[in-house]
Amino acid sequence: MAIENFDEEGLLKVIKTFELSEKITKLTWNWNNYSDSIRQAHELMSQGQKLFLEISEYEQRMGSNLSMYQKNKIDEAVEDLGKLIPYMKNKIMPSEIFEKTD
């Protein structure tokens, strides 16, 4: 019988991912109610970039000690976060559209 390793750090990565998902959802739903939604979106994307780096470093460090359950939970949380990005992208309207002509 294989021993599953669970650690608090992995759980914290999932929690941080859900917290970021919540912030992106709130921004998307209330886009017009934010005084500077574009700045807020930049901040959230920066947080996401740092989180993805943390998760990658964690997975590399843990290696085979990371249980499949924990790995799957982290992957699912990251996947769910990624599903929110298109909704935010739909809210962003470029101020000018440049067409490239040949």
N, C-alpha and C. Protein backbone atom coordinates (compact mmCIF):
# COMPACT_ATOMS: atom_id res chain seq x y z
N MET A 1 0.85 -1.18 0.00
CA MET A 1 0.00 0.00 0.00
C MET A 1 0.89 1.23 0.00
N ALA A 2 0.66 2.15 -0.90
CA ALA A 2 1.46 3.37 -1.02
C ALA A 2 1.04 4.37 0.06
N ILE A 3 2.03 5.04 0.61
CA ILE A 3 1.77 6.05 1.63
C ILE A 3 1.59 7.40 0.94
N GLU A 4 0.48 8.04 1.21
CA GLU A 4 0.22 9.36 0.65
C GLU A 4 0.77 10.42 1.59
N ASN A 5 1.56 11.33 1.04
CA ASN A 5 2.09 12.43 1.84
C ASN A 5 1.23 13.67 1.63
N PHE A 6 0.78 14.26 2.71
CA PHE A 6 0.01 15.50 2.67
C PHE A 6 0.78 16.52 3.47
N ASP A 7 0.87 17.71 2.97
CA ASP A 7 1.53 18.75 3.75
C ASP A 7 0.72 20.03 3.71
N GLU A 8 1.00 20.88 4.65
CA GLU A 8 0.27 22.13 4.77
C GLU A 8 0.60 23.09 3.63
N GLU A 9 1.83 23.05 3.15
CA GLU A 9 2.23 23.96 2.08
C GLU A 9 1.40 23.75 0.83
N GLY A 10 1.16 22.49 0.47
CA GLY A 10 0.33 22.19 -0.70
C GLY A 10 -1.08 22.71 -0.54
N LEU A 11 -1.62 22.53 0.66
CA LEU A 11 -2.97 23.03 0.94
C LEU A 11 -3.00 24.56 0.84
N LEU A 12 -1.96 25.21 1.33
CA LEU A 12 -1.90 26.67 1.25
C LEU A 12 -1.83 27.15 -0.21
N LYS A 13 -1.17 26.39 -1.07
CA LYS A 13 -1.11 26.75 -2.50
C LYS A 13 -2.52 26.70 -3.10
N VAL A 14 -3.28 25.68 -2.75
CA VAL A 14 -4.66 25.57 -3.25
C VAL A 14 -5.50 26.72 -2.72
N ILE A 15 -5.35 27.04 -1.44
CA ILE A 15 -6.11 28.14 -0.84
C ILE A 15 -5.77 29.46 -1.52
N LYS A 16 -4.49 29.72 -1.75
CA LYS A 16 -4.08 30.97 -2.42
C LYS A 16 -4.65 31.04 -3.83
N THR A 17 -4.72 29.90 -4.50
CA THR A 17 -5.28 29.87 -5.86
C THR A 17 -6.77 30.20 -5.83
N PHE A 18 -7.49 29.64 -4.87
CA PHE A 18 -8.92 29.94 -4.74
C PHE A 18 -9.14 31.41 -4.37
N GLU A 19 -8.30 31.95 -3.51
CA GLU A 19 -8.42 33.37 -3.14
C GLU A 19 -8.22 34.27 -4.36
N LEU A 20 -7.25 33.94 -5.18
CA LEU A 20 -7.02 34.72 -6.39
C LEU A 20 -8.20 34.57 -7.35
N SER A 21 -8.73 33.37 -7.45
CA SER A 21 -9.92 33.14 -8.29
C SER A 21 -11.09 34.00 -7.83
N GLU A 22 -11.25 34.09 -6.53
CA GLU A 22 -12.34 34.91 -5.98
C GLU A 22 -12.15 36.38 -6.36
N LYS A 23 -10.93 36.89 -6.24
CA LYS A 23 -10.66 38.29 -6.58
C LYS A 23 -10.91 38.56 -8.06
N ILE A 24 -10.50 37.64 -8.92
CA ILE A 24 -10.72 37.82 -10.36
C ILE A 24 -12.21 37.78 -10.67
N THR A 25 -12.94 36.87 -10.03
CA THR A 25 -14.39 36.78 -10.25
C THR A 25 -15.07 38.08 -9.83
N LYS A 26 -14.70 38.59 -8.65
CA LYS A 26 -15.31 39.83 -8.17
C LYS A 26 -15.00 40.99 -9.11
N LEU A 27 -13.76 41.06 -9.60
CA LEU A 27 -13.40 42.12 -10.53
C LEU A 27 -14.21 42.00 -11.82
N THR A 28 -14.32 40.81 -12.34
CA THR A 28 -15.06 40.59 -13.59
C THR A 28 -16.53 40.95 -13.43
N TRP A 29 -17.13 40.53 -12.35
CA TRP A 29 -18.56 40.81 -12.12
C TRP A 29 -18.82 42.29 -11.89
N ASN A 30 -17.87 42.98 -11.28
CA ASN A 30 -18.07 44.39 -10.91
C ASN A 30 -17.13 45.32 -11.67
N TRP A 31 -16.79 44.95 -12.87
CA TRP A 31 -15.79 45.67 -13.66
C TRP A 31 -16.04 47.18 -13.69
N ASN A 32 -17.26 47.57 -13.94
CA ASN A 32 -17.58 48.99 -14.08
C ASN A 32 -17.68 49.71 -12.74
N ASN A 33 -17.69 48.98 -11.65
CA ASN A 33 -17.78 49.59 -10.32
C ASN A 33 -16.42 49.90 -9.71
N TYR A 34 -15.36 49.39 -10.34
CA TYR A 34 -14.01 49.68 -9.86
C TYR A 34 -13.55 51.01 -10.45
N SER A 35 -12.87 51.81 -9.66
CA SER A 35 -12.39 53.10 -10.16
C SER A 35 -11.28 52.92 -11.19
N ASP A 36 -10.49 51.87 -11.03
CA ASP A 36 -9.42 51.60 -12.00
C ASP A 36 -9.31 50.09 -12.20
N SER A 37 -10.26 49.55 -12.94
CA SER A 37 -10.32 48.10 -13.12
C SER A 37 -9.10 47.56 -13.87
N ILE A 38 -8.55 48.34 -14.79
CA ILE A 38 -7.36 47.89 -15.53
C ILE A 38 -6.17 47.74 -14.59
N ARG A 39 -5.97 48.70 -13.71
CA ARG A 39 -4.87 48.61 -12.74
C ARG A 39 -5.08 47.39 -11.83
N GLN A 40 -6.32 47.19 -11.40
CA GLN A 40 -6.63 46.04 -10.56
C GLN A 40 -6.35 44.73 -11.30
N ALA A 41 -6.70 44.68 -12.58
CA ALA A 41 -6.43 43.49 -13.38
C ALA A 41 -4.93 43.23 -13.48
N HIS A 42 -4.15 44.29 -13.67
CA HIS A 42 -2.69 44.13 -13.71
C HIS A 42 -2.17 43.56 -12.39
N GLU A 43 -2.66 44.06 -11.29
CA GLU A 43 -2.23 43.57 -9.97
C GLU A 43 -2.58 42.09 -9.79
N LEU A 44 -3.78 41.72 -10.21
CA LEU A 44 -4.18 40.32 -10.07
C LEU A 44 -3.36 39.40 -10.98
N MET A 45 -3.04 39.86 -12.18
CA MET A 45 -2.21 39.05 -13.07
C MET A 45 -0.80 38.91 -12.51
N SER A 46 -0.30 39.94 -11.86
CA SER A 46 1.01 39.87 -11.21
C SER A 46 0.98 38.85 -10.07
N GLN A 47 -0.09 38.88 -9.28
CA GLN A 47 -0.25 37.90 -8.20
C GLN A 47 -0.31 36.48 -8.77
N GLY A 48 -1.02 36.33 -9.88
CA GLY A 48 -1.13 35.02 -10.52
C GLY A 48 0.21 34.52 -11.01
N GLN A 49 0.98 35.40 -11.61
CA GLN A 49 2.30 35.03 -12.10
C GLN A 49 3.19 34.56 -10.95
N LYS A 50 3.17 35.28 -9.84
CA LYS A 50 3.96 34.88 -8.67
C LYS A 50 3.47 33.55 -8.11
N LEU A 51 2.16 33.36 -8.07
CA LEU A 51 1.59 32.13 -7.55
C LEU A 51 1.99 30.94 -8.42
N PHE A 52 1.93 31.09 -9.73
CA PHE A 52 2.31 30.00 -10.63
C PHE A 52 3.78 29.63 -10.43
N LEU A 53 4.62 30.62 -10.22
CA LEU A 53 6.04 30.36 -9.95
C LEU A 53 6.20 29.61 -8.63
N GLU A 54 5.48 30.05 -7.60
CA GLU A 54 5.52 29.36 -6.29
C GLU A 54 5.10 27.91 -6.42
N ILE A 55 4.04 27.67 -7.17
CA ILE A 55 3.53 26.31 -7.35
C ILE A 55 4.54 25.46 -8.09
N SER A 56 5.13 26.01 -9.13
CA SER A 56 6.14 25.28 -9.90
C SER A 56 7.34 24.93 -9.03
N GLU A 57 7.80 25.89 -8.24
CA GLU A 57 8.93 25.63 -7.34
C GLU A 57 8.57 24.57 -6.31
N TYR A 58 7.36 24.65 -5.78
CA TYR A 58 6.88 23.69 -4.79
C TYR A 58 6.87 22.29 -5.39
N GLU A 59 6.29 22.15 -6.58
CA GLU A 59 6.21 20.84 -7.22
C GLU A 59 7.60 20.27 -7.52
N GLN A 60 8.53 21.14 -7.93
CA GLN A 60 9.91 20.69 -8.19
C GLN A 60 10.58 20.24 -6.89
N ARG A 61 10.39 21.01 -5.85
CA ARG A 61 11.03 20.70 -4.56
C ARG A 61 10.47 19.42 -3.96
N MET A 62 9.17 19.25 -4.06
CA MET A 62 8.53 18.08 -3.45
C MET A 62 8.79 16.81 -4.25
N GLY A 63 8.85 16.95 -5.56
CA GLY A 63 9.13 15.80 -6.42
C GLY A 63 8.21 14.63 -6.15
N SER A 64 8.80 13.46 -5.94
CA SER A 64 8.00 12.25 -5.74
C SER A 64 7.33 12.21 -4.37
N ASN A 65 7.69 13.12 -3.46
CA ASN A 65 7.03 13.17 -2.15
C ASN A 65 5.65 13.80 -2.22
N LEU A 66 5.34 14.44 -3.34
CA LEU A 66 4.04 15.07 -3.51
C LEU A 66 3.02 13.99 -3.86
N SER A 67 1.99 13.87 -3.05
CA SER A 67 0.98 12.84 -3.32
C SER A 67 0.19 13.20 -4.57
N MET A 68 -0.30 12.19 -5.24
CA MET A 68 -1.11 12.42 -6.44
C MET A 68 -2.37 13.22 -6.09
N TYR A 69 -2.93 12.96 -4.92
CA TYR A 69 -4.11 13.70 -4.49
C TYR A 69 -3.80 15.19 -4.41
N GLN A 70 -2.68 15.53 -3.73
CA GLN A 70 -2.33 16.94 -3.59
C GLN A 70 -2.00 17.55 -4.94
N LYS A 71 -1.26 16.82 -5.76
CA LYS A 71 -0.91 17.34 -7.09
C LYS A 71 -2.18 17.60 -7.90
N ASN A 72 -3.13 16.67 -7.84
CA ASN A 72 -4.39 16.84 -8.57
C ASN A 72 -5.18 18.04 -8.05
N LYS A 73 -5.21 18.22 -6.74
CA LYS A 73 -5.94 19.36 -6.16
C LYS A 73 -5.32 20.69 -6.60
N ILE A 74 -4.01 20.75 -6.60
CA ILE A 74 -3.33 21.98 -7.05
C ILE A 74 -3.60 22.21 -8.53
N ASP A 75 -3.46 21.15 -9.33
CA ASP A 75 -3.71 21.27 -10.77
C ASP A 75 -5.14 21.71 -11.05
N GLU A 76 -6.11 21.14 -10.34
CA GLU A 76 -7.52 21.51 -10.53
C GLU A 76 -7.76 22.97 -10.17
N ALA A 77 -7.15 23.43 -9.08
CA ALA A 77 -7.32 24.83 -8.66
C ALA A 77 -6.73 25.77 -9.70
N VAL A 78 -5.55 25.42 -10.23
CA VAL A 78 -4.91 26.24 -11.25
C VAL A 78 -5.74 26.24 -12.54
N GLU A 79 -6.26 25.08 -12.90
CA GLU A 79 -7.10 24.96 -14.09
C GLU A 79 -8.36 25.84 -13.95
N ASP A 80 -8.99 25.79 -12.79
CA ASP A 80 -10.17 26.62 -12.54
C ASP A 80 -9.83 28.11 -12.63
N LEU A 81 -8.68 28.49 -12.08
CA LEU A 81 -8.23 29.88 -12.18
C LEU A 81 -8.06 30.28 -13.64
N GLY A 82 -7.46 29.41 -14.41
CA GLY A 82 -7.25 29.69 -15.83
C GLY A 82 -8.56 29.88 -16.59
N LYS A 83 -9.62 29.23 -16.15
CA LYS A 83 -10.92 29.36 -16.81
C LYS A 83 -11.53 30.74 -16.60
N LEU A 84 -11.07 31.47 -15.59
CA LEU A 84 -11.61 32.81 -15.32
C LEU A 84 -10.99 33.89 -16.20
N ILE A 85 -9.79 33.65 -16.67
CA ILE A 85 -9.05 34.66 -17.43
C ILE A 85 -9.82 35.12 -18.68
N PRO A 86 -10.42 34.24 -19.47
CA PRO A 86 -11.16 34.72 -20.65
C PRO A 86 -12.28 35.69 -20.30
N TYR A 87 -12.92 35.49 -19.14
CA TYR A 87 -14.00 36.40 -18.74
C TYR A 87 -13.45 37.80 -18.47
N MET A 88 -12.27 37.85 -17.86
CA MET A 88 -11.66 39.15 -17.61
C MET A 88 -11.18 39.76 -18.93
N LYS A 89 -10.63 38.94 -19.80
CA LYS A 89 -10.17 39.44 -21.10
C LYS A 89 -11.32 40.09 -21.86
N ASN A 90 -12.51 39.53 -21.75
CA ASN A 90 -13.67 40.07 -22.45
C ASN A 90 -14.06 41.45 -21.94
N LYS A 91 -13.65 41.79 -20.73
CA LYS A 91 -13.96 43.11 -20.16
C LYS A 91 -12.98 44.18 -20.64
N ILE A 92 -11.82 43.77 -21.11
CA ILE A 92 -10.77 44.72 -21.48
C ILE A 92 -10.97 45.14 -22.92
N MET A 93 -11.17 46.43 -23.09
CA MET A 93 -11.35 47.00 -24.42
C MET A 93 -10.18 47.93 -24.72
N PRO A 94 -9.38 47.60 -25.71
CA PRO A 94 -8.28 48.48 -26.04
C PRO A 94 -8.80 49.86 -26.42
N SER A 95 -8.10 50.90 -25.98
CA SER A 95 -8.54 52.26 -26.27
C SER A 95 -8.38 52.58 -27.74
N GLU A 96 -7.41 51.97 -28.38
CA GLU A 96 -7.23 52.16 -29.81
C GLU A 96 -6.90 50.82 -30.43
N ILE A 97 -7.44 50.59 -31.59
CA ILE A 97 -7.14 49.36 -32.31
C ILE A 97 -6.33 49.75 -33.55
N PHE A 98 -5.18 49.17 -33.66
CA PHE A 98 -4.33 49.45 -34.81
C PHE A 98 -4.43 48.29 -35.78
N GLU A 99 -4.64 48.64 -37.03
CA GLU A 99 -4.69 47.60 -38.06
C GLU A 99 -3.38 47.60 -38.79
N LYS A 100 -2.88 46.42 -39.03
CA LYS A 100 -1.64 46.28 -39.78
C LYS A 100 -2.01 46.05 -41.25
N THR A 101 -1.53 46.91 -42.10
CA THR A 101 -1.80 46.76 -43.52
C THR A 101 -0.50 46.47 -44.24
N ASP A 102 -0.61 45.67 -45.26
CA ASP A 102 0.60 45.30 -46.02
C ASP A 102 0.87 46.32 -47.11
